[in-house]
Amino acid sequence: MKMLKKAMLAATVTGLLSTSALAADFTLKIQSSDPSGDLNYQLQEDWAERVEKMSNGRIEIHLLPVGSVVKHTETLDAIKLGVIDGHVTATGYFSGKDPAFGLIGNMVGAWSDTTQLLQYMNYGGGNELMTELYAPYGVHFIGASTTGVESFVSKNH
């Protein structure tokens, strides 16, 4: 879990700082696709606090639970319209806009270990693919994270 938090933090802080003017302070309203009591949300809160600390207070993230501003399936449009500044979510929610979001966002069974997903994203072209997928929506991809391997549900044994 420590490695997950460090990977998520490193990817996100790097992305935020590289797209910002270094002389400015930023307050970002970011909506999660997780409810506030969920462990994933608690990890995201920890991440937001660490971003503020690591940026010496120059970047402040107001993390909002799922549905606080818009439905979890509408965050992509809300970012483009300036309603929120970002989201922590699974890209599969946007598969109605482009099926590729569903393919890369919910690759259940594709990885036997979560580090394989992060290696693909960081070293195998995944970050570049996500940047390309988000570009038509005026959204900048910052970085990937993972919460763990999910089960693959099937009627067959």
N, C-alpha and C. Protein backbone atom coordinates (compact mmCIF):
# COMPACT_ATOMS: atom_id res chain seq x y z
N MET A 1 0.82 -1.18 0.00
CA MET A 1 0.00 0.00 0.00
C MET A 1 0.87 1.25 0.00
N LYS A 2 2.00 1.22 0.70
CA LYS A 2 2.90 2.38 0.71
C LYS A 2 3.38 2.68 -0.70
N MET A 3 3.72 1.61 -1.47
CA MET A 3 4.21 1.81 -2.82
C MET A 3 3.12 2.44 -3.68
N LEU A 4 1.87 2.02 -3.50
CA LEU A 4 0.76 2.58 -4.25
C LEU A 4 0.63 4.06 -3.97
N LYS A 5 0.66 4.45 -2.70
CA LYS A 5 0.51 5.85 -2.34
C LYS A 5 1.67 6.67 -2.90
N LYS A 6 2.89 6.14 -2.83
CA LYS A 6 4.04 6.87 -3.36
C LYS A 6 3.94 7.02 -4.87
N ALA A 7 3.51 5.95 -5.57
CA ALA A 7 3.39 6.02 -7.02
C ALA A 7 2.32 7.03 -7.42
N MET A 8 1.17 7.00 -6.73
CA MET A 8 0.09 7.92 -7.04
C MET A 8 0.54 9.34 -6.75
N LEU A 9 1.20 9.56 -5.65
CA LEU A 9 1.66 10.88 -5.28
C LEU A 9 2.70 11.39 -6.27
N ALA A 10 3.68 10.58 -6.59
CA ALA A 10 4.74 11.01 -7.49
C ALA A 10 4.18 11.37 -8.86
N ALA A 11 3.30 10.54 -9.39
CA ALA A 11 2.74 10.80 -10.71
C ALA A 11 1.92 12.07 -10.70
N THR A 12 1.15 12.28 -9.67
CA THR A 12 0.25 13.43 -9.64
C THR A 12 1.01 14.72 -9.37
N VAL A 13 1.91 14.73 -8.40
CA VAL A 13 2.64 15.95 -8.11
C VAL A 13 3.46 16.37 -9.31
N THR A 14 4.12 15.44 -9.95
CA THR A 14 4.90 15.75 -11.13
C THR A 14 4.02 16.37 -12.20
N GLY A 15 2.86 15.79 -12.43
CA GLY A 15 1.96 16.31 -13.44
C GLY A 15 1.45 17.69 -13.11
N LEU A 16 1.06 17.93 -11.87
CA LEU A 16 0.54 19.24 -11.49
C LEU A 16 1.61 20.31 -11.60
N LEU A 17 2.80 20.02 -11.14
CA LEU A 17 3.84 21.02 -11.18
C LEU A 17 4.32 21.30 -12.59
N SER A 18 4.31 20.30 -13.43
CA SER A 18 4.80 20.52 -14.78
C SER A 18 3.81 21.30 -15.64
N THR A 19 2.53 21.38 -15.24
CA THR A 19 1.56 22.11 -16.01
C THR A 19 1.20 23.45 -15.37
N SER A 20 1.91 23.83 -14.30
CA SER A 20 1.58 25.06 -13.58
C SER A 20 2.72 26.05 -13.68
N ALA A 21 2.37 27.31 -13.57
CA ALA A 21 3.39 28.34 -13.45
C ALA A 21 3.92 28.28 -12.02
N LEU A 22 5.20 28.15 -11.85
CA LEU A 22 5.78 27.91 -10.54
C LEU A 22 5.62 29.07 -9.57
N ALA A 23 5.35 30.27 -10.05
CA ALA A 23 5.25 31.43 -9.17
C ALA A 23 3.86 31.59 -8.56
N ALA A 24 2.91 30.76 -8.92
CA ALA A 24 1.54 30.93 -8.48
C ALA A 24 1.15 29.92 -7.41
N ASP A 25 0.08 30.24 -6.68
CA ASP A 25 -0.53 29.31 -5.74
C ASP A 25 -1.79 28.76 -6.39
N PHE A 26 -2.11 27.50 -6.08
CA PHE A 26 -3.25 26.84 -6.71
C PHE A 26 -4.14 26.18 -5.68
N THR A 27 -5.44 26.38 -5.81
CA THR A 27 -6.43 25.66 -5.04
C THR A 27 -7.27 24.89 -6.05
N LEU A 28 -7.22 23.57 -5.95
CA LEU A 28 -7.89 22.72 -6.93
C LEU A 28 -9.06 21.99 -6.29
N LYS A 29 -10.20 22.00 -6.97
CA LYS A 29 -11.38 21.27 -6.54
C LYS A 29 -11.41 19.98 -7.35
N ILE A 30 -11.15 18.85 -6.68
CA ILE A 30 -11.05 17.56 -7.35
C ILE A 30 -12.09 16.61 -6.76
N GLN A 31 -12.91 16.05 -7.63
CA GLN A 31 -13.95 15.12 -7.17
C GLN A 31 -13.47 13.68 -7.37
N SER A 32 -13.71 12.87 -6.38
CA SER A 32 -13.39 11.45 -6.42
C SER A 32 -14.60 10.66 -6.90
N SER A 33 -14.37 9.48 -7.38
CA SER A 33 -15.49 8.59 -7.70
C SER A 33 -15.76 7.63 -6.54
N ASP A 34 -15.16 7.92 -5.39
CA ASP A 34 -15.34 7.10 -4.19
C ASP A 34 -16.10 7.88 -3.12
N PRO A 35 -16.91 7.18 -2.30
CA PRO A 35 -17.59 7.86 -1.19
C PRO A 35 -16.61 8.18 -0.07
N SER A 36 -16.94 9.17 0.74
CA SER A 36 -16.01 9.68 1.74
C SER A 36 -15.57 8.64 2.77
N GLY A 37 -16.38 7.65 3.10
CA GLY A 37 -16.00 6.66 4.10
C GLY A 37 -15.16 5.52 3.55
N ASP A 38 -14.97 5.47 2.26
CA ASP A 38 -14.26 4.37 1.61
C ASP A 38 -12.75 4.49 1.83
N LEU A 39 -12.07 3.35 1.94
CA LEU A 39 -10.62 3.35 2.12
C LEU A 39 -9.92 4.07 0.98
N ASN A 40 -10.39 3.87 -0.25
CA ASN A 40 -9.76 4.57 -1.39
C ASN A 40 -9.83 6.08 -1.20
N TYR A 41 -10.98 6.57 -0.73
CA TYR A 41 -11.13 8.01 -0.51
C TYR A 41 -10.17 8.48 0.58
N GLN A 42 -10.02 7.70 1.62
CA GLN A 42 -9.10 8.07 2.70
C GLN A 42 -7.66 8.15 2.18
N LEU A 43 -7.28 7.23 1.29
CA LEU A 43 -5.95 7.29 0.68
C LEU A 43 -5.80 8.53 -0.18
N GLN A 44 -6.86 8.90 -0.88
CA GLN A 44 -6.83 10.10 -1.71
C GLN A 44 -6.71 11.36 -0.85
N GLU A 45 -7.37 11.37 0.30
CA GLU A 45 -7.22 12.50 1.23
C GLU A 45 -5.77 12.62 1.71
N ASP A 46 -5.17 11.49 2.02
CA ASP A 46 -3.77 11.48 2.44
C ASP A 46 -2.89 12.02 1.32
N TRP A 47 -3.18 11.60 0.09
CA TRP A 47 -2.44 12.09 -1.08
C TRP A 47 -2.58 13.61 -1.19
N ALA A 48 -3.79 14.14 -1.06
CA ALA A 48 -4.02 15.59 -1.17
C ALA A 48 -3.23 16.35 -0.11
N GLU A 49 -3.19 15.82 1.10
CA GLU A 49 -2.41 16.46 2.17
C GLU A 49 -0.92 16.43 1.85
N ARG A 50 -0.46 15.33 1.27
CA ARG A 50 0.96 15.20 0.94
C ARG A 50 1.34 16.14 -0.20
N VAL A 51 0.44 16.32 -1.16
CA VAL A 51 0.70 17.27 -2.25
C VAL A 51 0.89 18.67 -1.67
N GLU A 52 0.01 19.06 -0.75
CA GLU A 52 0.12 20.38 -0.13
C GLU A 52 1.45 20.51 0.62
N LYS A 53 1.80 19.49 1.37
CA LYS A 53 3.05 19.52 2.14
C LYS A 53 4.26 19.58 1.22
N MET A 54 4.27 18.72 0.19
CA MET A 54 5.42 18.66 -0.71
C MET A 54 5.56 19.92 -1.57
N SER A 55 4.46 20.65 -1.76
CA SER A 55 4.52 21.89 -2.54
C SER A 55 4.69 23.11 -1.64
N ASN A 56 4.99 22.86 -0.37
CA ASN A 56 5.13 23.94 0.61
C ASN A 56 3.89 24.83 0.66
N GLY A 57 2.73 24.21 0.54
CA GLY A 57 1.46 24.93 0.65
C GLY A 57 1.02 25.64 -0.61
N ARG A 58 1.78 25.53 -1.67
CA ARG A 58 1.45 26.24 -2.91
C ARG A 58 0.33 25.56 -3.69
N ILE A 59 0.13 24.26 -3.46
CA ILE A 59 -0.96 23.53 -4.11
C ILE A 59 -1.85 22.98 -3.02
N GLU A 60 -3.10 23.41 -3.03
CA GLU A 60 -4.08 22.93 -2.07
C GLU A 60 -5.18 22.21 -2.85
N ILE A 61 -5.51 21.00 -2.40
CA ILE A 61 -6.53 20.20 -3.08
C ILE A 61 -7.73 20.05 -2.17
N HIS A 62 -8.88 20.49 -2.65
CA HIS A 62 -10.14 20.24 -1.95
C HIS A 62 -10.72 18.98 -2.57
N LEU A 63 -10.57 17.87 -1.89
CA LEU A 63 -11.07 16.59 -2.39
C LEU A 63 -12.54 16.46 -2.01
N LEU A 64 -13.35 16.08 -2.98
CA LEU A 64 -14.79 15.96 -2.78
C LEU A 64 -15.23 14.54 -3.08
N PRO A 65 -16.11 13.97 -2.25
CA PRO A 65 -16.57 12.60 -2.49
C PRO A 65 -17.47 12.51 -3.72
N VAL A 66 -17.67 11.30 -4.17
CA VAL A 66 -18.49 11.03 -5.35
C VAL A 66 -19.84 11.75 -5.25
N GLY A 67 -20.25 12.35 -6.37
CA GLY A 67 -21.55 13.00 -6.44
C GLY A 67 -21.65 14.35 -5.76
N SER A 68 -20.58 14.87 -5.20
CA SER A 68 -20.63 16.15 -4.49
C SER A 68 -21.00 17.31 -5.41
N VAL A 69 -20.47 17.30 -6.62
CA VAL A 69 -20.72 18.38 -7.56
C VAL A 69 -21.51 17.86 -8.76
N VAL A 70 -21.02 16.78 -9.36
CA VAL A 70 -21.67 16.15 -10.51
C VAL A 70 -21.63 14.64 -10.33
N LYS A 71 -22.42 13.93 -11.13
CA LYS A 71 -22.37 12.47 -11.12
C LYS A 71 -20.97 12.01 -11.54
N HIS A 72 -20.57 10.82 -11.07
CA HIS A 72 -19.24 10.31 -11.39
C HIS A 72 -19.03 10.09 -12.89
N THR A 73 -20.10 9.95 -13.64
CA THR A 73 -19.98 9.77 -15.09
C THR A 73 -19.91 11.11 -15.83
N GLU A 74 -20.04 12.21 -15.10
CA GLU A 74 -20.06 13.54 -15.73
C GLU A 74 -18.83 14.38 -15.40
N THR A 75 -17.86 13.82 -14.69
CA THR A 75 -16.71 14.62 -14.28
C THR A 75 -15.87 15.08 -15.46
N LEU A 76 -15.78 14.29 -16.50
CA LEU A 76 -14.99 14.68 -17.67
C LEU A 76 -15.53 15.97 -18.27
N ASP A 77 -16.83 16.07 -18.44
CA ASP A 77 -17.45 17.29 -18.96
C ASP A 77 -17.33 18.44 -17.96
N ALA A 78 -17.45 18.14 -16.67
CA ALA A 78 -17.36 19.18 -15.64
C ALA A 78 -15.97 19.81 -15.61
N ILE A 79 -14.94 19.03 -15.87
CA ILE A 79 -13.59 19.58 -15.92
C ILE A 79 -13.46 20.49 -17.13
N LYS A 80 -13.93 20.03 -18.27
CA LYS A 80 -13.84 20.82 -19.50
C LYS A 80 -14.56 22.16 -19.35
N LEU A 81 -15.68 22.16 -18.62
CA LEU A 81 -16.47 23.38 -18.43
C LEU A 81 -15.98 24.25 -17.27
N GLY A 82 -14.99 23.76 -16.52
CA GLY A 82 -14.44 24.52 -15.41
C GLY A 82 -15.25 24.43 -14.13
N VAL A 83 -16.17 23.49 -14.05
CA VAL A 83 -16.98 23.31 -12.85
C VAL A 83 -16.13 22.72 -11.73
N ILE A 84 -15.28 21.76 -12.06
CA ILE A 84 -14.29 21.20 -11.14
C ILE A 84 -12.94 21.24 -11.85
N ASP A 85 -11.88 21.08 -11.09
CA ASP A 85 -10.54 21.15 -11.67
C ASP A 85 -9.95 19.80 -12.02
N GLY A 86 -10.50 18.73 -11.47
CA GLY A 86 -9.96 17.42 -11.75
C GLY A 86 -10.78 16.33 -11.10
N HIS A 87 -10.37 15.10 -11.33
CA HIS A 87 -11.06 13.96 -10.74
C HIS A 87 -10.09 12.82 -10.52
N VAL A 88 -10.42 12.02 -9.53
CA VAL A 88 -9.73 10.76 -9.29
C VAL A 88 -10.80 9.71 -9.57
N THR A 89 -10.64 8.99 -10.67
CA THR A 89 -11.73 8.13 -11.11
C THR A 89 -11.21 7.01 -12.00
N ALA A 90 -12.08 6.12 -12.34
CA ALA A 90 -11.78 5.06 -13.30
C ALA A 90 -12.25 5.54 -14.67
N THR A 91 -11.40 5.42 -15.65
CA THR A 91 -11.75 5.92 -16.98
C THR A 91 -12.88 5.15 -17.63
N GLY A 92 -13.18 3.96 -17.13
CA GLY A 92 -14.26 3.16 -17.70
C GLY A 92 -15.60 3.88 -17.66
N TYR A 93 -15.76 4.84 -16.76
CA TYR A 93 -17.01 5.60 -16.68
C TYR A 93 -17.25 6.44 -17.93
N PHE A 94 -16.23 6.64 -18.75
CA PHE A 94 -16.36 7.48 -19.94
C PHE A 94 -16.37 6.67 -21.22
N SER A 95 -16.61 5.37 -21.11
CA SER A 95 -16.59 4.50 -22.30
C SER A 95 -17.69 4.86 -23.30
N GLY A 96 -18.73 5.56 -22.87
CA GLY A 96 -19.76 6.02 -23.79
C GLY A 96 -19.25 7.10 -24.73
N LYS A 97 -18.22 7.81 -24.32
CA LYS A 97 -17.62 8.85 -25.15
C LYS A 97 -16.60 8.24 -26.12
N ASP A 98 -15.88 7.24 -25.63
CA ASP A 98 -14.87 6.55 -26.45
C ASP A 98 -14.66 5.18 -25.81
N PRO A 99 -14.90 4.09 -26.56
CA PRO A 99 -14.74 2.74 -26.00
C PRO A 99 -13.34 2.46 -25.44
N ALA A 100 -12.36 3.20 -25.91
CA ALA A 100 -10.99 2.99 -25.42
C ALA A 100 -10.88 3.30 -23.93
N PHE A 101 -11.71 4.23 -23.42
CA PHE A 101 -11.69 4.50 -21.99
C PHE A 101 -12.05 3.25 -21.19
N GLY A 102 -13.01 2.49 -21.68
CA GLY A 102 -13.42 1.26 -21.00
C GLY A 102 -12.34 0.20 -21.05
N LEU A 103 -11.66 0.12 -22.19
CA LEU A 103 -10.61 -0.90 -22.33
C LEU A 103 -9.45 -0.66 -21.39
N ILE A 104 -8.99 0.56 -21.30
CA ILE A 104 -7.84 0.82 -20.45
C ILE A 104 -8.23 1.01 -19.00
N GLY A 105 -9.48 1.42 -18.74
CA GLY A 105 -9.90 1.73 -17.40
C GLY A 105 -10.28 0.54 -16.55
N ASN A 106 -10.69 -0.53 -17.15
CA ASN A 106 -11.12 -1.70 -16.37
C ASN A 106 -10.54 -2.96 -16.99
N MET A 107 -9.27 -3.11 -16.82
CA MET A 107 -8.58 -4.25 -17.41
C MET A 107 -8.48 -5.41 -16.43
N VAL A 108 -9.62 -5.77 -15.85
CA VAL A 108 -9.66 -6.85 -14.87
C VAL A 108 -9.07 -8.12 -15.49
N GLY A 109 -8.13 -8.71 -14.81
CA GLY A 109 -7.50 -9.93 -15.28
C GLY A 109 -6.28 -9.69 -16.16
N ALA A 110 -6.04 -8.43 -16.55
CA ALA A 110 -4.89 -8.15 -17.41
C ALA A 110 -3.58 -8.13 -16.62
N TRP A 111 -3.66 -7.88 -15.33
CA TRP A 111 -2.47 -7.77 -14.50
C TRP A 111 -2.55 -8.78 -13.36
N SER A 112 -1.44 -9.44 -13.08
CA SER A 112 -1.42 -10.34 -11.93
C SER A 112 -0.92 -9.60 -10.69
N ASP A 113 -0.42 -8.40 -10.87
CA ASP A 113 0.08 -7.59 -9.78
C ASP A 113 -0.12 -6.12 -10.17
N THR A 114 -0.50 -5.29 -9.22
CA THR A 114 -0.77 -3.88 -9.53
C THR A 114 0.45 -3.13 -10.05
N THR A 115 1.64 -3.58 -9.68
CA THR A 115 2.84 -2.90 -10.18
C THR A 115 2.96 -3.06 -11.69
N GLN A 116 2.39 -4.14 -12.24
CA GLN A 116 2.44 -4.32 -13.70
C GLN A 116 1.65 -3.22 -14.40
N LEU A 117 0.51 -2.83 -13.85
CA LEU A 117 -0.26 -1.73 -14.43
C LEU A 117 0.55 -0.44 -14.38
N LEU A 118 1.14 -0.15 -13.24
CA LEU A 118 1.91 1.09 -13.11
C LEU A 118 3.14 1.08 -14.02
N GLN A 119 3.75 -0.08 -14.19
CA GLN A 119 4.89 -0.17 -15.12
C GLN A 119 4.44 0.08 -16.55
N TYR A 120 3.29 -0.47 -16.93
CA TYR A 120 2.75 -0.22 -18.27
C TYR A 120 2.48 1.27 -18.46
N MET A 121 1.84 1.88 -17.46
CA MET A 121 1.50 3.29 -17.58
C MET A 121 2.76 4.15 -17.69
N ASN A 122 3.73 3.90 -16.83
CA ASN A 122 4.92 4.75 -16.76
C ASN A 122 5.99 4.44 -17.80
N TYR A 123 6.08 3.18 -18.23
CA TYR A 123 7.19 2.80 -19.11
C TYR A 123 6.75 2.10 -20.40
N GLY A 124 5.47 1.75 -20.50
CA GLY A 124 5.01 0.99 -21.66
C GLY A 124 4.09 1.75 -22.60
N GLY A 125 3.98 3.06 -22.43
CA GLY A 125 3.16 3.86 -23.33
C GLY A 125 1.76 4.18 -22.81
N GLY A 126 1.41 3.70 -21.63
CA GLY A 126 0.08 3.95 -21.09
C GLY A 126 -0.21 5.42 -20.82
N ASN A 127 0.75 6.14 -20.24
CA ASN A 127 0.54 7.57 -19.98
C ASN A 127 0.33 8.34 -21.28
N GLU A 128 1.07 7.99 -22.30
CA GLU A 128 0.93 8.66 -23.60
C GLU A 128 -0.44 8.35 -24.21
N LEU A 129 -0.89 7.12 -24.07
CA LEU A 129 -2.21 6.74 -24.58
C LEU A 129 -3.31 7.53 -23.85
N MET A 130 -3.20 7.63 -22.54
CA MET A 130 -4.20 8.36 -21.78
C MET A 130 -4.19 9.85 -22.14
N THR A 131 -3.02 10.42 -22.33
CA THR A 131 -2.91 11.82 -22.75
C THR A 131 -3.65 12.03 -24.07
N GLU A 132 -3.47 11.11 -24.99
CA GLU A 132 -4.14 11.19 -26.29
C GLU A 132 -5.66 11.02 -26.15
N LEU A 133 -6.09 10.10 -25.31
CA LEU A 133 -7.53 9.88 -25.12
C LEU A 133 -8.23 11.09 -24.51
N TYR A 134 -7.59 11.74 -23.55
CA TYR A 134 -8.19 12.88 -22.86
C TYR A 134 -8.13 14.18 -23.67
N ALA A 135 -7.19 14.31 -24.58
CA ALA A 135 -6.96 15.57 -25.30
C ALA A 135 -8.22 16.17 -25.94
N PRO A 136 -9.07 15.40 -26.63
CA PRO A 136 -10.24 16.01 -27.27
C PRO A 136 -11.24 16.61 -26.27
N TYR A 137 -11.11 16.30 -25.00
CA TYR A 137 -12.03 16.79 -23.99
C TYR A 137 -11.45 17.96 -23.19
N GLY A 138 -10.28 18.44 -23.61
CA GLY A 138 -9.66 19.56 -22.93
C GLY A 138 -9.16 19.22 -21.53
N VAL A 139 -8.90 17.94 -21.29
CA VAL A 139 -8.47 17.46 -19.98
C VAL A 139 -7.04 16.95 -20.11
N HIS A 140 -6.21 17.27 -19.13
CA HIS A 140 -4.82 16.83 -19.11
C HIS A 140 -4.68 15.65 -18.17
N PHE A 141 -4.17 14.55 -18.67
CA PHE A 141 -3.92 13.37 -17.85
C PHE A 141 -2.67 13.63 -17.01
N ILE A 142 -2.78 13.37 -15.70
CA ILE A 142 -1.66 13.63 -14.79
C ILE A 142 -0.92 12.35 -14.45
N GLY A 143 -1.63 11.30 -14.10
CA GLY A 143 -0.95 10.07 -13.74
C GLY A 143 -1.93 9.01 -13.30
N ALA A 144 -1.46 7.79 -13.30
CA ALA A 144 -2.29 6.64 -12.97
C ALA A 144 -2.03 6.16 -11.55
N SER A 145 -3.04 5.53 -11.01
CA SER A 145 -2.89 4.85 -9.73
C SER A 145 -3.72 3.58 -9.81
N THR A 146 -3.55 2.75 -8.83
CA THR A 146 -4.32 1.52 -8.78
C THR A 146 -4.65 1.21 -7.33
N THR A 147 -5.79 0.60 -7.14
CA THR A 147 -6.21 0.28 -5.77
C THR A 147 -6.05 -1.19 -5.45
N GLY A 148 -5.69 -1.98 -6.41
CA GLY A 148 -5.51 -3.40 -6.17
C GLY A 148 -6.10 -4.24 -7.28
N VAL A 149 -5.75 -5.48 -7.29
CA VAL A 149 -6.26 -6.40 -8.30
C VAL A 149 -7.70 -6.73 -7.96
N GLU A 150 -8.57 -6.65 -8.95
CA GLU A 150 -9.98 -6.99 -8.74
C GLU A 150 -10.24 -8.39 -9.24
N SER A 151 -11.36 -8.93 -8.79
CA SER A 151 -11.71 -10.28 -9.21
C SER A 151 -12.28 -10.26 -10.63
N PHE A 152 -12.16 -11.36 -11.30
CA PHE A 152 -12.72 -11.54 -12.63
C PHE A 152 -13.94 -12.44 -12.47
N VAL A 153 -15.11 -11.89 -12.67
CA VAL A 153 -16.36 -12.62 -12.42
C VAL A 153 -16.77 -13.40 -13.67
N SER A 154 -17.10 -14.68 -13.47
CA SER A 154 -17.49 -15.53 -14.59
C SER A 154 -18.37 -16.67 -14.10
N LYS A 155 -19.26 -17.14 -14.97
CA LYS A 155 -20.07 -18.32 -14.64
C LYS A 155 -19.25 -19.61 -14.82
N ASN A 156 -18.22 -19.54 -15.62
CA ASN A 156 -17.39 -20.71 -15.89
C ASN A 156 -16.33 -20.89 -14.82
N HIS A 157 -16.00 -22.14 -14.56
CA HIS A 157 -15.00 -22.46 -13.53
C HIS A 157 -13.66 -22.69 -14.16
